[in-house]
mmCIF file of all heavy atoms, coordinates in Angstrom:
data_MODEL
# 
_entry.id   MODEL 
# 
loop_
_atom_site.group_PDB 
_atom_site.id 
_atom_site.type_symbol 
_atom_site.label_atom_id 
_atom_site.label_alt_id 
_atom_site.label_comp_id 
_atom_site.label_asym_id 
_atom_site.label_entity_id 
_atom_site.label_seq_id 
_atom_site.pdbx_PDB_ins_code 
_atom_site.Cartn_x 
_atom_site.Cartn_y 
_atom_site.Cartn_z 
_atom_site.occupancy 
_atom_site.B_iso_or_equiv 
_atom_site.pdbx_formal_charge 
_atom_site.auth_seq_id 
_atom_site.auth_comp_id 
_atom_site.auth_asym_id 
_atom_site.auth_atom_id 
_atom_site.pdbx_PDB_model_num 
ATOM 1   N N   . ARG A 1 1  ? 0.866   -1.212  -0.062  1.00 0.00 ? 1  ARG A N   1 
ATOM 2   C CA  . ARG A 1 1  ? 0.015   -0.014  -0.043  1.00 0.00 ? 1  ARG A CA  1 
ATOM 3   C C   . ARG A 1 1  ? 0.850   1.274   -0.008  1.00 0.00 ? 1  ARG A C   1 
ATOM 4   O O   . ARG A 1 1  ? 2.076   1.160   0.237   1.00 0.00 ? 1  ARG A O   1 
ATOM 5   C CB  . ARG A 1 1  ? -0.868  0.044   1.255   1.00 0.00 ? 1  ARG A CB  1 
ATOM 6   C CG  . ARG A 1 1  ? -2.043  -0.934  1.280   1.00 0.00 ? 1  ARG A CG  1 
ATOM 7   C CD  . ARG A 1 1  ? -3.034  -0.494  2.398   1.00 0.00 ? 1  ARG A CD  1 
ATOM 8   N NE  . ARG A 1 1  ? -3.974  0.516   1.838   1.00 0.00 ? 1  ARG A NE  1 
ATOM 9   C CZ  . ARG A 1 1  ? -4.697  1.247   2.709   1.00 0.00 ? 1  ARG A CZ  1 
ATOM 10  N NH1 . ARG A 1 1  ? -4.567  1.131   4.008   1.00 0.00 ? 1  ARG A NH1 1 
ATOM 11  N NH2 . ARG A 1 1  ? -5.585  2.099   2.168   1.00 0.00 ? 1  ARG A NH2 1 
ATOM 12  N N   . GLN A 1 2  ? 0.262   2.334   -0.195  1.00 0.00 ? 2  GLN A N   1 
ATOM 13  C CA  . GLN A 1 2  ? 0.865   3.659   -0.121  1.00 0.00 ? 2  GLN A CA  1 
ATOM 14  C C   . GLN A 1 2  ? 0.541   4.280   1.268   1.00 0.00 ? 2  GLN A C   1 
ATOM 15  O O   . GLN A 1 2  ? 0.844   5.469   1.454   1.00 0.00 ? 2  GLN A O   1 
ATOM 16  C CB  . GLN A 1 2  ? 0.421   4.598   -1.171  1.00 0.00 ? 2  GLN A CB  1 
ATOM 17  C CG  . GLN A 1 2  ? 0.932   4.131   -2.601  1.00 0.00 ? 2  GLN A CG  1 
ATOM 18  C CD  . GLN A 1 2  ? 0.369   5.014   -3.736  1.00 0.00 ? 2  GLN A CD  1 
ATOM 19  O OE1 . GLN A 1 2  ? -0.844  5.349   -3.741  1.00 0.00 ? 2  GLN A OE1 1 
ATOM 20  N NE2 . GLN A 1 2  ? 1.137   5.294   -4.705  1.00 0.00 ? 2  GLN A NE2 1 
ATOM 21  N N   . TRP A 1 3  ? -0.048  3.511   2.170   1.00 0.00 ? 3  TRP A N   1 
ATOM 22  C CA  . TRP A 1 3  ? -0.464  3.932   3.503   1.00 0.00 ? 3  TRP A CA  1 
ATOM 23  C C   . TRP A 1 3  ? 0.005   3.039   4.577   1.00 0.00 ? 3  TRP A C   1 
ATOM 24  O O   . TRP A 1 3  ? 0.351   1.853   4.283   1.00 0.00 ? 3  TRP A O   1 
ATOM 25  C CB  . TRP A 1 3  ? -1.987  4.134   3.612   1.00 0.00 ? 3  TRP A CB  1 
ATOM 26  C CG  . TRP A 1 3  ? -2.477  4.995   2.453   1.00 0.00 ? 3  TRP A CG  1 
ATOM 27  C CD1 . TRP A 1 3  ? -2.931  4.629   1.288   1.00 0.00 ? 3  TRP A CD1 1 
ATOM 28  C CD2 . TRP A 1 3  ? -2.496  6.483   2.531   1.00 0.00 ? 3  TRP A CD2 1 
ATOM 29  N NE1 . TRP A 1 3  ? -3.298  5.762   0.530   1.00 0.00 ? 3  TRP A NE1 1 
ATOM 30  C CE2 . TRP A 1 3  ? -3.112  6.867   1.262   1.00 0.00 ? 3  TRP A CE2 1 
ATOM 31  C CE3 . TRP A 1 3  ? -2.197  7.435   3.432   1.00 0.00 ? 3  TRP A CE3 1 
ATOM 32  C CZ2 . TRP A 1 3  ? -3.301  8.226   0.894   1.00 0.00 ? 3  TRP A CZ2 1 
ATOM 33  C CZ3 . TRP A 1 3  ? -2.443  8.764   3.150   1.00 0.00 ? 3  TRP A CZ3 1 
ATOM 34  C CH2 . TRP A 1 3  ? -2.893  9.166   1.900   1.00 0.00 ? 3  TRP A CH2 1 
ATOM 35  N N   . ARG A 1 4  ? -0.036  3.350   5.820   1.00 0.00 ? 4  ARG A N   1 
ATOM 36  C CA  . ARG A 1 4  ? 0.485   2.593   6.912   1.00 0.00 ? 4  ARG A CA  1 
ATOM 37  C C   . ARG A 1 4  ? -0.549  1.590   7.357   1.00 0.00 ? 4  ARG A C   1 
ATOM 38  O O   . ARG A 1 4  ? -0.204  0.458   7.836   1.00 0.00 ? 4  ARG A O   1 
ATOM 39  C CB  . ARG A 1 4  ? 0.752   3.423   8.193   1.00 0.00 ? 4  ARG A CB  1 
ATOM 40  C CG  . ARG A 1 4  ? 1.882   4.420   7.874   1.00 0.00 ? 4  ARG A CG  1 
ATOM 41  C CD  . ARG A 1 4  ? 2.136   5.229   9.182   1.00 0.00 ? 4  ARG A CD  1 
ATOM 42  N NE  . ARG A 1 4  ? 2.700   4.466   10.309  1.00 0.00 ? 4  ARG A NE  1 
ATOM 43  C CZ  . ARG A 1 4  ? 3.975   4.326   10.469  1.00 0.00 ? 4  ARG A CZ  1 
ATOM 44  N NH1 . ARG A 1 4  ? 4.922   4.874   9.700   1.00 0.00 ? 4  ARG A NH1 1 
ATOM 45  N NH2 . ARG A 1 4  ? 4.407   3.607   11.539  1.00 0.00 ? 4  ARG A NH2 1 
ATOM 46  N N   . ALA A 1 5  ? -1.888  1.854   7.236   1.00 0.00 ? 5  ALA A N   1 
ATOM 47  C CA  . ALA A 1 5  ? -2.893  0.981   7.806   1.00 0.00 ? 5  ALA A CA  1 
ATOM 48  C C   . ALA A 1 5  ? -3.119  -0.240  6.899   1.00 0.00 ? 5  ALA A C   1 
ATOM 49  O O   . ALA A 1 5  ? -3.095  -0.181  5.659   1.00 0.00 ? 5  ALA A O   1 
ATOM 50  C CB  . ALA A 1 5  ? -4.191  1.703   7.861   1.00 0.00 ? 5  ALA A CB  1 
ATOM 51  N N   . LEU A 1 6  ? -3.205  -1.408  7.627   1.00 0.00 ? 6  LEU A N   1 
ATOM 52  C CA  . LEU A 1 6  ? -3.465  -2.644  6.822   1.00 0.00 ? 6  LEU A CA  1 
ATOM 53  C C   . LEU A 1 6  ? -4.851  -2.586  6.108   1.00 0.00 ? 6  LEU A C   1 
ATOM 54  O O   . LEU A 1 6  ? -5.675  -1.856  6.552   1.00 0.00 ? 6  LEU A O   1 
ATOM 55  C CB  . LEU A 1 6  ? -3.351  -3.855  7.747   1.00 0.00 ? 6  LEU A CB  1 
ATOM 56  C CG  . LEU A 1 6  ? -4.219  -3.920  9.017   1.00 0.00 ? 6  LEU A CG  1 
ATOM 57  C CD1 . LEU A 1 6  ? -5.532  -4.327  8.720   1.00 0.00 ? 6  LEU A CD1 1 
ATOM 58  C CD2 . LEU A 1 6  ? -3.467  -4.885  9.975   1.00 0.00 ? 6  LEU A CD2 1 
ATOM 59  N N   . ASN A 1 7  ? -5.045  -3.461  5.200   1.00 0.00 ? 7  ASN A N   1 
ATOM 60  C CA  . ASN A 1 7  ? -6.258  -3.425  4.432   1.00 0.00 ? 7  ASN A CA  1 
ATOM 61  C C   . ASN A 1 7  ? -6.484  -4.846  3.769   1.00 0.00 ? 7  ASN A C   1 
ATOM 62  O O   . ASN A 1 7  ? -5.498  -5.466  3.371   1.00 0.00 ? 7  ASN A O   1 
ATOM 63  C CB  . ASN A 1 7  ? -6.378  -2.400  3.374   1.00 0.00 ? 7  ASN A CB  1 
ATOM 64  C CG  . ASN A 1 7  ? -7.749  -2.007  2.961   1.00 0.00 ? 7  ASN A CG  1 
ATOM 65  O OD1 . ASN A 1 7  ? -8.347  -2.727  2.222   1.00 0.00 ? 7  ASN A OD1 1 
ATOM 66  N ND2 . ASN A 1 7  ? -8.205  -0.832  3.430   1.00 0.00 ? 7  ASN A ND2 1 
ATOM 67  N N   . VAL A 1 8  ? -7.751  -5.263  3.726   1.00 0.00 ? 8  VAL A N   1 
ATOM 68  C CA  . VAL A 1 8  ? -8.125  -6.561  3.164   1.00 0.00 ? 8  VAL A CA  1 
ATOM 69  C C   . VAL A 1 8  ? -8.431  -6.538  1.613   1.00 0.00 ? 8  VAL A C   1 
ATOM 70  O O   . VAL A 1 8  ? -8.561  -7.629  1.026   1.00 0.00 ? 8  VAL A O   1 
ATOM 71  C CB  . VAL A 1 8  ? -9.152  -7.304  3.929   1.00 0.00 ? 8  VAL A CB  1 
ATOM 72  C CG1 . VAL A 1 8  ? -8.847  -7.373  5.378   1.00 0.00 ? 8  VAL A CG1 1 
ATOM 73  C CG2 . VAL A 1 8  ? -10.521 -6.562  3.685   1.00 0.00 ? 8  VAL A CG2 1 
ATOM 74  N N   . ALA A 1 9  ? -8.592  -5.298  1.115   1.00 0.00 ? 9  ALA A N   1 
ATOM 75  C CA  . ALA A 1 9  ? -9.030  -5.178  -0.231  1.00 0.00 ? 9  ALA A CA  1 
ATOM 76  C C   . ALA A 1 9  ? -7.860  -5.055  -1.227  1.00 0.00 ? 9  ALA A C   1 
ATOM 77  O O   . ALA A 1 9  ? -6.990  -4.181  -1.047  1.00 0.00 ? 9  ALA A O   1 
ATOM 78  C CB  . ALA A 1 9  ? -9.951  -3.961  -0.405  1.00 0.00 ? 9  ALA A CB  1 
ATOM 79  N N   . ALA A 1 10 ? -7.832  -5.944  -2.226  1.00 0.00 ? 10 ALA A N   1 
ATOM 80  C CA  . ALA A 1 10 ? -6.698  -5.933  -3.240  1.00 0.00 ? 10 ALA A CA  1 
ATOM 81  C C   . ALA A 1 10 ? -6.669  -4.493  -3.944  1.00 0.00 ? 10 ALA A C   1 
ATOM 82  O O   . ALA A 1 10 ? -5.571  -4.086  -4.290  1.00 0.00 ? 10 ALA A O   1 
ATOM 83  C CB  . ALA A 1 10 ? -6.963  -7.034  -4.223  1.00 0.00 ? 10 ALA A CB  1 
ATOM 84  N N   . SER A 1 11 ? -7.798  -3.921  -4.099  1.00 0.00 ? 11 SER A N   1 
ATOM 85  C CA  . SER A 1 11 ? -7.817  -2.623  -4.790  1.00 0.00 ? 11 SER A CA  1 
ATOM 86  C C   . SER A 1 11 ? -7.087  -1.494  -4.047  1.00 0.00 ? 11 SER A C   1 
ATOM 87  O O   . SER A 1 11 ? -6.774  -0.486  -4.569  1.00 0.00 ? 11 SER A O   1 
ATOM 88  C CB  . SER A 1 11 ? -9.291  -2.184  -5.056  1.00 0.00 ? 11 SER A CB  1 
ATOM 89  O OG  . SER A 1 11 ? -9.969  -2.023  -3.909  1.00 0.00 ? 11 SER A OG  1 
ATOM 90  N N   . GLU A 1 12 ? -6.833  -1.684  -2.760  1.00 0.00 ? 12 GLU A N   1 
ATOM 91  C CA  . GLU A 1 12 ? -6.179  -0.761  -1.953  1.00 0.00 ? 12 GLU A CA  1 
ATOM 92  C C   . GLU A 1 12 ? -4.631  -0.860  -2.052  1.00 0.00 ? 12 GLU A C   1 
ATOM 93  O O   . GLU A 1 12 ? -3.977  0.017   -1.436  1.00 0.00 ? 12 GLU A O   1 
ATOM 94  C CB  . GLU A 1 12 ? -6.608  -0.880  -0.459  1.00 0.00 ? 12 GLU A CB  1 
ATOM 95  C CG  . GLU A 1 12 ? -8.064  -0.473  -0.214  1.00 0.00 ? 12 GLU A CG  1 
ATOM 96  C CD  . GLU A 1 12 ? -8.266  1.000   -0.415  1.00 0.00 ? 12 GLU A CD  1 
ATOM 97  O OE1 . GLU A 1 12 ? -7.393  1.809   -0.053  1.00 0.00 ? 12 GLU A OE1 1 
ATOM 98  O OE2 . GLU A 1 12 ? -9.338  1.333   -0.976  1.00 0.00 ? 12 GLU A OE2 1 
ATOM 99  N N   . TYR A 1 13 ? -4.194  -1.804  -2.710  1.00 0.00 ? 13 TYR A N   1 
ATOM 100 C CA  . TYR A 1 13 ? -2.743  -2.027  -2.801  1.00 0.00 ? 13 TYR A CA  1 
ATOM 101 C C   . TYR A 1 13 ? -2.236  -1.493  -4.247  1.00 0.00 ? 13 TYR A C   1 
ATOM 102 O O   . TYR A 1 13 ? -2.723  -1.853  -5.261  1.00 0.00 ? 13 TYR A O   1 
ATOM 103 C CB  . TYR A 1 13 ? -2.347  -3.391  -2.617  1.00 0.00 ? 13 TYR A CB  1 
ATOM 104 C CG  . TYR A 1 13 ? -2.550  -3.894  -1.188  1.00 0.00 ? 13 TYR A CG  1 
ATOM 105 C CD1 . TYR A 1 13 ? -3.781  -4.258  -0.710  1.00 0.00 ? 13 TYR A CD1 1 
ATOM 106 C CD2 . TYR A 1 13 ? -1.511  -3.902  -0.287  1.00 0.00 ? 13 TYR A CD2 1 
ATOM 107 C CE1 . TYR A 1 13 ? -4.021  -4.547  0.589   1.00 0.00 ? 13 TYR A CE1 1 
ATOM 108 C CE2 . TYR A 1 13 ? -1.726  -4.285  1.011   1.00 0.00 ? 13 TYR A CE2 1 
ATOM 109 C CZ  . TYR A 1 13 ? -2.934  -4.597  1.441   1.00 0.00 ? 13 TYR A CZ  1 
ATOM 110 O OH  . TYR A 1 13 ? -3.083  -5.006  2.790   1.00 0.00 ? 13 TYR A OH  1 
ATOM 111 N N   . ALA A 1 14 ? -1.178  -0.645  -4.166  1.00 0.00 ? 14 ALA A N   1 
ATOM 112 C CA  . ALA A 1 14 ? -0.776  -0.009  -5.436  1.00 0.00 ? 14 ALA A CA  1 
ATOM 113 C C   . ALA A 1 14 ? 0.320   -0.808  -6.149  1.00 0.00 ? 14 ALA A C   1 
ATOM 114 O O   . ALA A 1 14 ? 0.432   -0.717  -7.417  1.00 0.00 ? 14 ALA A O   1 
ATOM 115 C CB  . ALA A 1 14 ? -0.166  1.342   -5.086  1.00 0.00 ? 14 ALA A CB  1 
ATOM 116 N N   . TYR A 1 15 ? 1.063   -1.577  -5.405  1.00 0.00 ? 15 TYR A N   1 
ATOM 117 C CA  . TYR A 1 15 ? 2.238   -2.350  -6.065  1.00 0.00 ? 15 TYR A CA  1 
ATOM 118 C C   . TYR A 1 15 ? 2.162   -3.800  -5.822  1.00 0.00 ? 15 TYR A C   1 
ATOM 119 O O   . TYR A 1 15 ? 1.784   -4.240  -4.686  1.00 0.00 ? 15 TYR A O   1 
ATOM 120 C CB  . TYR A 1 15 ? 3.561   -1.816  -5.450  1.00 0.00 ? 15 TYR A CB  1 
ATOM 121 C CG  . TYR A 1 15 ? 3.767   -0.308  -5.634  1.00 0.00 ? 15 TYR A CG  1 
ATOM 122 C CD1 . TYR A 1 15 ? 3.456   0.503   -4.567  1.00 0.00 ? 15 TYR A CD1 1 
ATOM 123 C CD2 . TYR A 1 15 ? 4.021   0.243   -6.825  1.00 0.00 ? 15 TYR A CD2 1 
ATOM 124 C CE1 . TYR A 1 15 ? 3.625   2.002   -4.656  1.00 0.00 ? 15 TYR A CE1 1 
ATOM 125 C CE2 . TYR A 1 15 ? 4.198   1.671   -6.961  1.00 0.00 ? 15 TYR A CE2 1 
ATOM 126 C CZ  . TYR A 1 15 ? 3.909   2.455   -5.849  1.00 0.00 ? 15 TYR A CZ  1 
ATOM 127 O OH  . TYR A 1 15 ? 4.054   3.786   -6.047  1.00 0.00 ? 15 TYR A OH  1 
ATOM 128 N N   . TRP A 1 16 ? 2.426   -4.582  -6.769  1.00 0.00 ? 16 TRP A N   1 
ATOM 129 C CA  . TRP A 1 16 ? 2.291   -6.107  -6.755  1.00 0.00 ? 16 TRP A CA  1 
ATOM 130 C C   . TRP A 1 16 ? 3.486   -6.805  -7.355  1.00 0.00 ? 16 TRP A C   1 
ATOM 131 O O   . TRP A 1 16 ? 4.149   -6.299  -8.288  1.00 0.00 ? 16 TRP A O   1 
ATOM 132 C CB  . TRP A 1 16 ? 1.078   -6.372  -7.609  1.00 0.00 ? 16 TRP A CB  1 
ATOM 133 C CG  . TRP A 1 16 ? -0.268  -6.043  -6.994  1.00 0.00 ? 16 TRP A CG  1 
ATOM 134 C CD1 . TRP A 1 16 ? -0.790  -4.791  -7.157  1.00 0.00 ? 16 TRP A CD1 1 
ATOM 135 C CD2 . TRP A 1 16 ? -1.117  -6.761  -6.197  1.00 0.00 ? 16 TRP A CD2 1 
ATOM 136 N NE1 . TRP A 1 16 ? -2.064  -4.759  -6.383  1.00 0.00 ? 16 TRP A NE1 1 
ATOM 137 C CE2 . TRP A 1 16 ? -2.153  -5.973  -5.801  1.00 0.00 ? 16 TRP A CE2 1 
ATOM 138 C CE3 . TRP A 1 16 ? -1.039  -8.091  -5.753  1.00 0.00 ? 16 TRP A CE3 1 
ATOM 139 C CZ2 . TRP A 1 16 ? -3.248  -6.432  -5.067  1.00 0.00 ? 16 TRP A CZ2 1 
ATOM 140 C CZ3 . TRP A 1 16 ? -2.087  -8.588  -4.887  1.00 0.00 ? 16 TRP A CZ3 1 
ATOM 141 C CH2 . TRP A 1 16 ? -3.158  -7.722  -4.562  1.00 0.00 ? 16 TRP A CH2 1 
ATOM 142 N N   . GLY A 1 17 ? 3.773   -7.895  -6.749  1.00 0.00 ? 17 GLY A N   1 
ATOM 143 C CA  . GLY A 1 17 ? 4.795   -8.788  -7.299  1.00 0.00 ? 17 GLY A CA  1 
ATOM 144 C C   . GLY A 1 17 ? 4.220   -9.636  -8.350  1.00 0.00 ? 17 GLY A C   1 
ATOM 145 O O   . GLY A 1 17 ? 3.008   -9.609  -8.611  1.00 0.00 ? 17 GLY A O   1 
ATOM 146 N N   . GLN A 1 18 ? 5.001   -10.468 -8.956  1.00 0.00 ? 18 GLN A N   1 
ATOM 147 C CA  . GLN A 1 18 ? 4.594   -11.373 -10.080 1.00 0.00 ? 18 GLN A CA  1 
ATOM 148 C C   . GLN A 1 18 ? 3.941   -12.663 -9.561  1.00 0.00 ? 18 GLN A C   1 
ATOM 149 O O   . GLN A 1 18 ? 3.211   -13.319 -10.313 1.00 0.00 ? 18 GLN A O   1 
ATOM 150 C CB  . GLN A 1 18 ? 5.768   -11.698 -10.993 1.00 0.00 ? 18 GLN A CB  1 
ATOM 151 C CG  . GLN A 1 18 ? 6.378   -10.547 -11.783 1.00 0.00 ? 18 GLN A CG  1 
ATOM 152 C CD  . GLN A 1 18 ? 5.249   -10.027 -12.701 1.00 0.00 ? 18 GLN A CD  1 
ATOM 153 O OE1 . GLN A 1 18 ? 4.735   -8.868  -12.580 1.00 0.00 ? 18 GLN A OE1 1 
ATOM 154 N NE2 . GLN A 1 18 ? 4.931   -10.722 -13.774 1.00 0.00 ? 18 GLN A NE2 1 
ATOM 155 N N   . GLY A 1 19 ? 4.174   -12.960 -8.288  1.00 0.00 ? 19 GLY A N   1 
ATOM 156 C CA  . GLY A 1 19 ? 3.524   -14.167 -7.716  1.00 0.00 ? 19 GLY A CA  1 
ATOM 157 C C   . GLY A 1 19 ? 4.414   -15.322 -7.750  1.00 0.00 ? 19 GLY A C   1 
ATOM 158 O O   . GLY A 1 19 ? 5.296   -15.482 -8.554  1.00 0.00 ? 19 GLY A O   1 
ATOM 159 N N   . THR A 1 20 ? 4.150   -16.255 -6.822  1.00 0.00 ? 20 THR A N   1 
ATOM 160 C CA  . THR A 1 20 ? 4.874   -17.570 -6.742  1.00 0.00 ? 20 THR A CA  1 
ATOM 161 C C   . THR A 1 20 ? 3.858   -18.660 -6.511  1.00 0.00 ? 20 THR A C   1 
ATOM 162 O O   . THR A 1 20 ? 2.921   -18.554 -5.724  1.00 0.00 ? 20 THR A O   1 
ATOM 163 C CB  . THR A 1 20 ? 5.862   -17.475 -5.614  1.00 0.00 ? 20 THR A CB  1 
ATOM 164 O OG1 . THR A 1 20 ? 6.696   -18.636 -5.658  1.00 0.00 ? 20 THR A OG1 1 
ATOM 165 C CG2 . THR A 1 20 ? 5.254   -17.314 -4.240  1.00 0.00 ? 20 THR A CG2 1 
ATOM 166 N N   . GLN A 1 21 ? 4.021   -19.825 -7.279  1.00 0.00 ? 21 GLN A N   1 
ATOM 167 C CA  . GLN A 1 21 ? 3.085   -20.884 -7.197  1.00 0.00 ? 21 GLN A CA  1 
ATOM 168 C C   . GLN A 1 21 ? 3.291   -21.695 -5.939  1.00 0.00 ? 21 GLN A C   1 
ATOM 169 O O   . GLN A 1 21 ? 4.486   -22.152 -5.640  1.00 0.00 ? 21 GLN A O   1 
ATOM 170 C CB  . GLN A 1 21 ? 3.282   -21.641 -8.504  1.00 0.00 ? 21 GLN A CB  1 
ATOM 171 C CG  . GLN A 1 21 ? 2.377   -22.965 -8.492  1.00 0.00 ? 21 GLN A CG  1 
ATOM 172 C CD  . GLN A 1 21 ? 0.830   -22.617 -8.627  1.00 0.00 ? 21 GLN A CD  1 
ATOM 173 O OE1 . GLN A 1 21 ? 0.526   -21.885 -9.559  1.00 0.00 ? 21 GLN A OE1 1 
ATOM 174 N NE2 . GLN A 1 21 ? 0.044   -23.245 -7.844  1.00 0.00 ? 21 GLN A NE2 1 
ATOM 175 N N   . VAL A 1 22 ? 2.240   -22.057 -5.241  1.00 0.00 ? 22 VAL A N   1 
ATOM 176 C CA  . VAL A 1 22 ? 2.246   -23.011 -4.171  1.00 0.00 ? 22 VAL A CA  1 
ATOM 177 C C   . VAL A 1 22 ? 1.255   -24.123 -4.479  1.00 0.00 ? 22 VAL A C   1 
ATOM 178 O O   . VAL A 1 22 ? 0.086   -23.886 -4.800  1.00 0.00 ? 22 VAL A O   1 
ATOM 179 C CB  . VAL A 1 22 ? 1.793   -22.358 -2.860  1.00 0.00 ? 22 VAL A CB  1 
ATOM 180 C CG1 . VAL A 1 22 ? 1.633   -23.315 -1.774  1.00 0.00 ? 22 VAL A CG1 1 
ATOM 181 C CG2 . VAL A 1 22 ? 2.809   -21.279 -2.390  1.00 0.00 ? 22 VAL A CG2 1 
ATOM 182 N N   . THR A 1 23 ? 1.805   -25.284 -4.504  1.00 0.00 ? 23 THR A N   1 
ATOM 183 C CA  . THR A 1 23 ? 0.962   -26.515 -4.777  1.00 0.00 ? 23 THR A CA  1 
ATOM 184 C C   . THR A 1 23 ? 1.078   -27.490 -3.624  1.00 0.00 ? 23 THR A C   1 
ATOM 185 O O   . THR A 1 23 ? 2.149   -27.892 -3.218  1.00 0.00 ? 23 THR A O   1 
ATOM 186 C CB  . THR A 1 23 ? 1.412   -27.169 -6.107  1.00 0.00 ? 23 THR A CB  1 
ATOM 187 O OG1 . THR A 1 23 ? 1.319   -26.214 -7.219  1.00 0.00 ? 23 THR A OG1 1 
ATOM 188 C CG2 . THR A 1 23 ? 0.481   -28.397 -6.433  1.00 0.00 ? 23 THR A CG2 1 
ATOM 189 N N   . VAL A 1 24 ? -0.039  -27.881 -3.088  1.00 0.00 ? 24 VAL A N   1 
ATOM 190 C CA  . VAL A 1 24 ? -0.142  -28.741 -1.967  1.00 0.00 ? 24 VAL A CA  1 
ATOM 191 C C   . VAL A 1 24 ? -0.840  -30.051 -2.441  1.00 0.00 ? 24 VAL A C   1 
ATOM 192 O O   . VAL A 1 24 ? -1.948  -30.067 -2.855  1.00 0.00 ? 24 VAL A O   1 
ATOM 193 C CB  . VAL A 1 24 ? -0.930  -28.135 -0.762  1.00 0.00 ? 24 VAL A CB  1 
ATOM 194 C CG1 . VAL A 1 24 ? -0.864  -29.173 0.382   1.00 0.00 ? 24 VAL A CG1 1 
ATOM 195 C CG2 . VAL A 1 24 ? -0.330  -26.832 -0.344  1.00 0.00 ? 24 VAL A CG2 1 
ATOM 196 N N   . SER A 1 25 ? -0.128  -31.187 -2.410  1.00 0.00 ? 25 SER A N   1 
ATOM 197 C CA  . SER A 1 25 ? -0.627  -32.408 -2.785  1.00 0.00 ? 25 SER A CA  1 
ATOM 198 C C   . SER A 1 25 ? -1.337  -33.159 -1.613  1.00 0.00 ? 25 SER A C   1 
ATOM 199 O O   . SER A 1 25 ? -1.029  -32.943 -0.456  1.00 0.00 ? 25 SER A O   1 
ATOM 200 C CB  . SER A 1 25 ? 0.407   -33.329 -3.358  1.00 0.00 ? 25 SER A CB  1 
ATOM 201 O OG  . SER A 1 25 ? 1.394   -33.570 -2.308  1.00 0.00 ? 25 SER A OG  1 
# 
């Protein structure tokens, strides 16, 4: 986020990583 307070909404986050796959068998 661009702010200190935590948030549960994805739309409130400005910057994102590319992601990493987690697979549980």
